[in-house]
Amino acid sequence: EINYWKHSNPDYVALIHQNLNVDNAYFWRDEQGKLDCGIFDWGAMGSSCIGHKLWWWVYCSDYEIFRDNLKGFMRTFVDTYQEFGGPTLDAEVLEMMVIITAMEQMAGLVAAVPQIMRMCPGKEWPTIEDRYDPRIGENIDGKSTLRLYLAVMCTIMRIIEEMK
């Protein structure tokens, strides 16, 4: 039902990049020194709910950045999308889609708890004081998976608790 709702209005569905994480962007300066950017990794591009994808574009941000800027991000997206030919969207509807998608991701992240516990055993957790502790804040087995999962889980829990 949630997926139906998120895709039921074609104005909120577009041909769109799969997630637009920072590792899919590249930057350069032109001859005048103006910063420009591009996007690659279009392999999973497809038609999808814009609000859903917007979550996947911002989900790695710190909670405070997300909380303090979400409305501005949505407003900027709506205005820019319309300016360049897209339909007029409701920023509040997009925001709801983003928050719902965060909840959906949390349901998936719960399934990652066994993997998290393999990467950092339970006996370590009582002495971890913050997210910068090297046992969870640095790459584990050459990957940022643990750090990412924990950061996103914390962000989503704070969305639930603080943004009501």
C-alpha atoms as a PDB file:
ATOM      1  CA  GLU A   1       0.000   0.000   0.000  1.00  0.00           C
ATOM      2  CA  ILE A   2       2.830   2.396   0.753  1.00  0.00           C
ATOM      3  CA  ASN A   3       4.495   1.679  -2.581  1.00  0.00           C
ATOM      4  CA  TYR A   4       1.154   2.125  -4.313  1.00  0.00           C
ATOM      5  CA  TRP A   5       0.677   5.515  -2.651  1.00  0.00           C
ATOM      6  CA  LYS A   6       4.216   6.641  -3.436  1.00  0.00           C
ATOM      7  CA  HIS A   7       3.730   5.779  -7.125  1.00  0.00           C
ATOM      8  CA  SER A   8       0.023   6.599  -7.538  1.00  0.00           C
ATOM      9  CA  ASN A   9       0.465  10.190  -8.752  1.00  0.00           C
ATOM     10  CA  PRO A  10       2.580  10.238 -11.929  1.00  0.00           C
ATOM     11  CA  ASP A  11       3.777  13.766 -11.105  1.00  0.00           C
ATOM     12  CA  TYR A  12       5.815  12.214  -8.272  1.00  0.00           C
ATOM     13  CA  VAL A  13       7.359   9.519 -10.487  1.00  0.00           C
ATOM     14  CA  ALA A  14      10.313  10.195 -12.765  1.00  0.00           C
ATOM     15  CA  LEU A  15      13.150   8.559 -14.644  1.00  0.00           C
ATOM     16  CA  ILE A  16      15.776   8.922 -11.981  1.00  0.00           C
ATOM     17  CA  HIS A  17      19.227   7.837 -10.787  1.00  0.00           C
ATOM     18  CA  GLN A  18      19.223   4.894  -8.386  1.00  0.00           C
ATOM     19  CA  ASN A  19      20.550   6.714  -5.308  1.00  0.00           C
ATOM     20  CA  LEU A  20      22.856   9.633  -6.173  1.00  0.00           C
ATOM     21  CA  ASN A  21      25.192   8.940  -3.263  1.00  0.00           C
ATOM     22  CA  VAL A  22      28.305  11.092  -3.159  1.00  0.00           C
ATOM     23  CA  ASP A  23      30.363   8.256  -4.652  1.00  0.00           C
ATOM     24  CA  ASN A  24      28.298   8.624  -7.834  1.00  0.00           C
ATOM     25  CA  ALA A  25      29.266  12.257  -8.336  1.00  0.00           C
ATOM     26  CA  TYR A  26      32.384  13.788  -9.764  1.00  0.00           C
ATOM     27  CA  PHE A  27      33.488  17.400  -9.751  1.00  0.00           C
ATOM     28  CA  TRP A  28      35.739  19.622 -11.837  1.00  0.00           C
ATOM     29  CA  ARG A  29      36.414  23.270 -12.542  1.00  0.00           C
ATOM     30  CA  ASP A  30      35.877  24.734 -15.983  1.00  0.00           C
ATOM     31  CA  GLU A  31      38.238  27.141 -17.762  1.00  0.00           C
ATOM     32  CA  GLN A  32      36.886  30.055 -15.682  1.00  0.00           C
ATOM     33  CA  GLY A  33      37.350  28.150 -12.421  1.00  0.00           C
ATOM     34  CA  LYS A  34      33.605  27.569 -11.929  1.00  0.00           C
ATOM     35  CA  LEU A  35      32.840  24.360 -10.070  1.00  0.00           C
ATOM     36  CA  ASP A  36      30.781  21.867 -12.059  1.00  0.00           C
ATOM     37  CA  CYS A  37      29.614  18.345 -11.402  1.00  0.00           C
ATOM     38  CA  GLY A  38      28.487  15.194 -13.129  1.00  0.00           C
ATOM     39  CA  ILE A  39      26.914  11.890 -12.206  1.00  0.00           C
ATOM     40  CA  PHE A  40      27.849   8.344 -13.145  1.00  0.00           C
ATOM     41  CA  ASP A  41      26.730   4.804 -12.264  1.00  0.00           C
ATOM     42  CA  TRP A  42      23.449   4.936 -14.146  1.00  0.00           C
ATOM     43  CA  GLY A  43      23.135   1.123 -14.268  1.00  0.00           C
ATOM     44  CA  ALA A  44      20.056   0.915 -12.039  1.00  0.00           C
ATOM     45  CA  MET A  45      18.390   4.061 -13.355  1.00  0.00           C
ATOM     46  CA  GLY A  46      14.661   3.675 -13.701  1.00  0.00           C
ATOM     47  CA  SER A  47      11.224   5.087 -13.170  1.00  0.00           C
ATOM     48  CA  SER A  48      10.608   5.581  -9.471  1.00  0.00           C
ATOM     49  CA  CYS A  49       9.020   7.728  -6.794  1.00  0.00           C
ATOM     50  CA  ILE A  50      10.928  10.999  -6.483  1.00  0.00           C
ATOM     51  CA  GLY A  51      10.386  11.239  -2.712  1.00  0.00           C
ATOM     52  CA  HIS A  52      11.738   7.718  -2.297  1.00  0.00           C
ATOM     53  CA  LYS A  53      14.890   8.590  -4.209  1.00  0.00           C
ATOM     54  CA  LEU A  54      15.326  11.875  -2.366  1.00  0.00           C
ATOM     55  CA  TRP A  55      15.742   9.883   0.866  1.00  0.00           C
ATOM     56  CA  TRP A  56      18.496   7.820  -0.765  1.00  0.00           C
ATOM     57  CA  TRP A  57      20.203  11.051  -1.815  1.00  0.00           C
ATOM     58  CA  VAL A  58      20.308  12.491   1.733  1.00  0.00           C
ATOM     59  CA  TYR A  59      20.249   9.458   4.039  1.00  0.00           C
ATOM     60  CA  CYS A  60      23.958   9.640   4.856  1.00  0.00           C
ATOM     61  CA  SER A  61      23.752  13.193   6.155  1.00  0.00           C
ATOM     62  CA  ASP A  62      24.088  13.828   9.863  1.00  0.00           C
ATOM     63  CA  TYR A  63      20.721  14.026  11.592  1.00  0.00           C
ATOM     64  CA  GLU A  64      21.084  17.722  12.453  1.00  0.00           C
ATOM     65  CA  ILE A  65      21.767  18.577   8.804  1.00  0.00           C
ATOM     66  CA  PHE A  66      18.765  16.491   7.744  1.00  0.00           C
ATOM     67  CA  ARG A  67      16.435  17.967  10.372  1.00  0.00           C
ATOM     68  CA  ASP A  68      17.488  21.565   9.888  1.00  0.00           C
ATOM     69  CA  ASN A  69      17.442  21.490   6.087  1.00  0.00           C
ATOM     70  CA  LEU A  70      14.809  18.964   5.003  1.00  0.00           C
ATOM     71  CA  LYS A  71      12.118  21.554   4.298  1.00  0.00           C
ATOM     72  CA  GLY A  72      14.624  23.720   2.421  1.00  0.00           C
ATOM     73  CA  PHE A  73      15.873  20.725   0.427  1.00  0.00           C
ATOM     74  CA  MET A  74      12.301  19.842  -0.551  1.00  0.00           C
ATOM     75  CA  ARG A  75      11.423  23.441  -1.432  1.00  0.00           C
ATOM     76  CA  THR A  76      14.595  23.820  -3.515  1.00  0.00           C
ATOM     77  CA  PHE A  77      13.911  20.554  -5.316  1.00  0.00           C
ATOM     78  CA  VAL A  78      10.281  21.489  -6.045  1.00  0.00           C
ATOM     79  CA  ASP A  79      11.233  24.946  -7.329  1.00  0.00           C
ATOM     80  CA  THR A  80      14.140  23.716  -9.450  1.00  0.00           C
ATOM     81  CA  TYR A  81      12.183  20.759 -10.821  1.00  0.00           C
ATOM     82  CA  GLN A  82       9.383  23.065 -11.927  1.00  0.00           C
ATOM     83  CA  GLU A  83      11.819  25.675 -13.293  1.00  0.00           C
ATOM     84  CA  PHE A  84      13.324  23.072 -15.602  1.00  0.00           C
ATOM     85  CA  GLY A  85      10.033  21.661 -16.882  1.00  0.00           C
ATOM     86  CA  GLY A  86       8.788  19.313 -14.187  1.00  0.00           C
ATOM     87  CA  PRO A  87       5.257  19.497 -12.804  1.00  0.00           C
ATOM     88  CA  THR A  88       4.437  21.510  -9.707  1.00  0.00           C
ATOM     89  CA  LEU A  89       4.920  19.260  -6.678  1.00  0.00           C
ATOM     90  CA  ASP A  90       3.908  19.724  -3.070  1.00  0.00           C
ATOM     91  CA  ALA A  91       7.036  19.950  -0.893  1.00  0.00           C
ATOM     92  CA  GLU A  92       5.128  18.541   2.099  1.00  0.00           C
ATOM     93  CA  VAL A  93       4.103  15.451   0.128  1.00  0.00           C
ATOM     94  CA  LEU A  94       7.723  14.924  -0.921  1.00  0.00           C
ATOM     95  CA  GLU A  95       8.819  15.335   2.681  1.00  0.00           C
ATOM     96  CA  MET A  96       6.307  12.689   3.784  1.00  0.00           C
ATOM     97  CA  MET A  97       7.601  10.348   1.071  1.00  0.00           C
ATOM     98  CA  VAL A  98      11.167  10.888   2.288  1.00  0.00           C
ATOM     99  CA  ILE A  99      10.242  10.145   5.916  1.00  0.00           C
ATOM    100  CA  ILE A 100       8.226   7.055   4.967  1.00  0.00           C
ATOM    101  CA  THR A 101      11.157   5.782   2.909  1.00  0.00           C
ATOM    102  CA  ALA A 102      13.413   6.270   5.932  1.00  0.00           C
ATOM    103  CA  MET A 103      11.041   4.067   7.954  1.00  0.00           C
ATOM    104  CA  GLU A 104      11.148   1.456   5.197  1.00  0.00           C
ATOM    105  CA  GLN A 105      14.937   1.493   5.264  1.00  0.00           C
ATOM    106  CA  MET A 106      14.943   1.013   9.037  1.00  0.00           C
ATOM    107  CA  ALA A 107      12.901  -2.149   8.601  1.00  0.00           C
ATOM    108  CA  GLY A 108      15.638  -3.415   6.298  1.00  0.00           C
ATOM    109  CA  LEU A 109      18.441  -2.303   8.596  1.00  0.00           C
ATOM    110  CA  VAL A 110      16.997  -4.339  11.452  1.00  0.00           C
ATOM    111  CA  ALA A 111      17.862  -7.389   9.368  1.00  0.00           C
ATOM    112  CA  ALA A 112      21.499  -6.187   9.363  1.00  0.00           C
ATOM    113  CA  VAL A 113      21.868  -6.432  13.163  1.00  0.00           C
ATOM    114  CA  PRO A 114      23.507  -9.900  12.999  1.00  0.00           C
ATOM    115  CA  GLN A 115      26.030  -8.528  10.497  1.00  0.00           C
ATOM    116  CA  ILE A 116      26.629  -5.518  12.760  1.00  0.00           C
ATOM    117  CA  MET A 117      27.264  -7.846  15.715  1.00  0.00           C
ATOM    118  CA  ARG A 118      29.747  -9.878  13.653  1.00  0.00           C
ATOM    119  CA  MET A 119      31.613  -6.686  12.746  1.00  0.00           C
ATOM    120  CA  CYS A 120      31.668  -5.454  16.343  1.00  0.00           C
ATOM    121  CA  PRO A 121      30.963  -8.158  18.944  1.00  0.00           C
ATOM    122  CA  GLY A 122      28.509  -7.485  21.763  1.00  0.00           C
ATOM    123  CA  LYS A 123      31.246  -7.467  24.417  1.00  0.00           C
ATOM    124  CA  GLU A 124      32.656  -4.268  22.817  1.00  0.00           C
ATOM    125  CA  TRP A 125      29.471  -2.179  22.941  1.00  0.00           C
ATOM    126  CA  PRO A 126      29.440  -1.274  26.674  1.00  0.00           C
ATOM    127  CA  THR A 127      32.737   0.592  26.271  1.00  0.00           C
ATOM    128  CA  ILE A 128      31.943   2.417  23.025  1.00  0.00           C
ATOM    129  CA  GLU A 129      31.346   6.049  23.938  1.00  0.00           C
ATOM    130  CA  ASP A 130      30.522   7.646  20.587  1.00  0.00           C
ATOM    131  CA  ARG A 131      30.379   7.076  16.846  1.00  0.00           C
ATOM    132  CA  TYR A 132      34.021   8.056  16.465  1.00  0.00           C
ATOM    133  CA  ASP A 133      35.261   5.061  18.420  1.00  0.00           C
ATOM    134  CA  PRO A 134      37.582   3.216  15.983  1.00  0.00           C
ATOM    135  CA  ARG A 135      35.766  -0.071  16.614  1.00  0.00           C
ATOM    136  CA  ILE A 136      32.728   1.342  14.824  1.00  0.00           C
ATOM    137  CA  GLY A 137      33.967   4.607  13.285  1.00  0.00           C
ATOM    138  CA  GLU A 138      36.649   3.272  10.986  1.00  0.00           C
ATOM    139  CA  ASN A 139      36.425   0.900   8.066  1.00  0.00           C
ATOM    140  CA  ILE A 140      35.972  -2.700   9.159  1.00  0.00           C
ATOM    141  CA  ASP A 141      37.367  -5.302   6.762  1.00  0.00           C
ATOM    142  CA  GLY A 142      38.067  -2.452   4.345  1.00  0.00           C
ATOM    143  CA  LYS A 143      34.442  -1.299   4.237  1.00  0.00           C
ATOM    144  CA  SER A 144      32.391   1.487   5.794  1.00  0.00           C
ATOM    145  CA  THR A 145      29.337  -0.764   6.192  1.00  0.00           C
ATOM    146  CA  LEU A 146      29.251  -0.773   9.998  1.00  0.00           C
ATOM    147  CA  ARG A 147      29.752   2.977  10.318  1.00  0.00           C
ATOM    148  CA  LEU A 148      27.100   3.628   7.657  1.00  0.00           C
ATOM    149  CA  TYR A 149      24.505   1.243   9.121  1.00  0.00           C
ATOM    150  CA  LEU A 150      24.905   2.668  12.610  1.00  0.00           C
ATOM    151  CA  ALA A 151      24.803   6.285  11.473  1.00  0.00           C
ATOM    152  CA  VAL A 152      21.696   5.759   9.360  1.00  0.00           C
ATOM    153  CA  MET A 153      19.954   3.763  12.104  1.00  0.00           C
ATOM    154  CA  CYS A 154      20.656   6.583  14.561  1.00  0.00           C
ATOM    155  CA  THR A 155      19.374   9.185  12.108  1.00  0.00           C
ATOM    156  CA  ILE A 156      16.149   7.267  11.495  1.00  0.00           C
ATOM    157  CA  MET A 157      15.589   6.685  15.211  1.00  0.00           C
ATOM    158  CA  ARG A 158      16.031  10.403  15.819  1.00  0.00           C
ATOM    159  CA  ILE A 159      13.607  11.199  12.982  1.00  0.00           C
ATOM    160  CA  ILE A 160      11.039   8.964  14.684  1.00  0.00           C
ATOM    161  CA  GLU A 161      11.695  10.333  18.158  1.00  0.00           C
ATOM    162  CA  GLU A 162      12.367  14.007  17.527  1.00  0.00           C
ATOM    163  CA  MET A 163      10.560  14.970  14.328  1.00  0.00           C
ATOM    164  CA  LYS A 164       7.223  13.341  15.219  1.00  0.00           C
END
